Amino acid sequence: MNQGPRTTARVRNLLVAALMLACTLGTATHAVAQRISAPVTPTDITPPGGSTAFLFGHGVGTQGYICLPTSVGATTAAWSANNVRPEATLFVNFSGQQVQIITHFLSPDEKPNANAPSPLPVGSVTWQSSFDSSKVWAQKVKTLNAGTDASCPNSNSIACLLLQSIGNEEGPTGGKTLAKTTYIQRLNTKGGLAPADGCVDFHDVGKQALVQYSADYYFFRRGQ
């Protein structure tokens, strides 16, 4: 006698879940299908001619640092400059809501291209689409100090960058959102610098610090 109401409730819950999923996918589609104008930046950090901006995201997260000896056998130490670990989420504003579109982290380059260094680093900076799981790995090619240009206005922040793809991968179902990326710009950085203290001598080696930062990321591809 109770199966009817229970079945009805289950069906209603499934319909609600399906509706929510449809709304989420619709929002995701609109969030990814952006009309992007390439930002005005100094020549050094501007992608080469023939590059088109196709995706933008505002990143919020942390820069991870580890305290290491300043040289082999040294008794002094400093926060790492070459082993920084980013962990961030990129968002776009859609109808007044912040929609997650990309995660940013460090991972092994599983699909190196002709620009990849040899040997490959243990981990390379990675961006992965939140919608189709496609990826791009990239390496820094040019740097702009923070506080020196309108595209990078905030002093005492991590540098703005031009990065080049060193690997791309389609998602497991063939998604290509980030698989076509050739260059990435990191602009409008805020925060993220290594701590000013806490890493001085060998007693501090191994300490880690997570420093909050934000930045704007522009993704470029060849042609239109």
Foldseek 3Di string as FASTA:
>chain_A
DPVVVVVVVVVVVVVVVVVVVVVLVVQLVVQQQDDDDDDDDPPQQDDDPQKDWRHKWKKWFWKKWFWDAPDVPFFWIDTDDPPIWTWIWTWDADPNDTDTFKTKTWQFAPFFDPPADPPHDRTFIKIATPPQRKIWGWDFDGWAAACPDPFRNDHPFDIKTKIATGGIGGGPVRHCSPRQFGIKIWTNKDKHDDDPDQGTGPVSGGDMDIIIMMTMMTTIGGHD
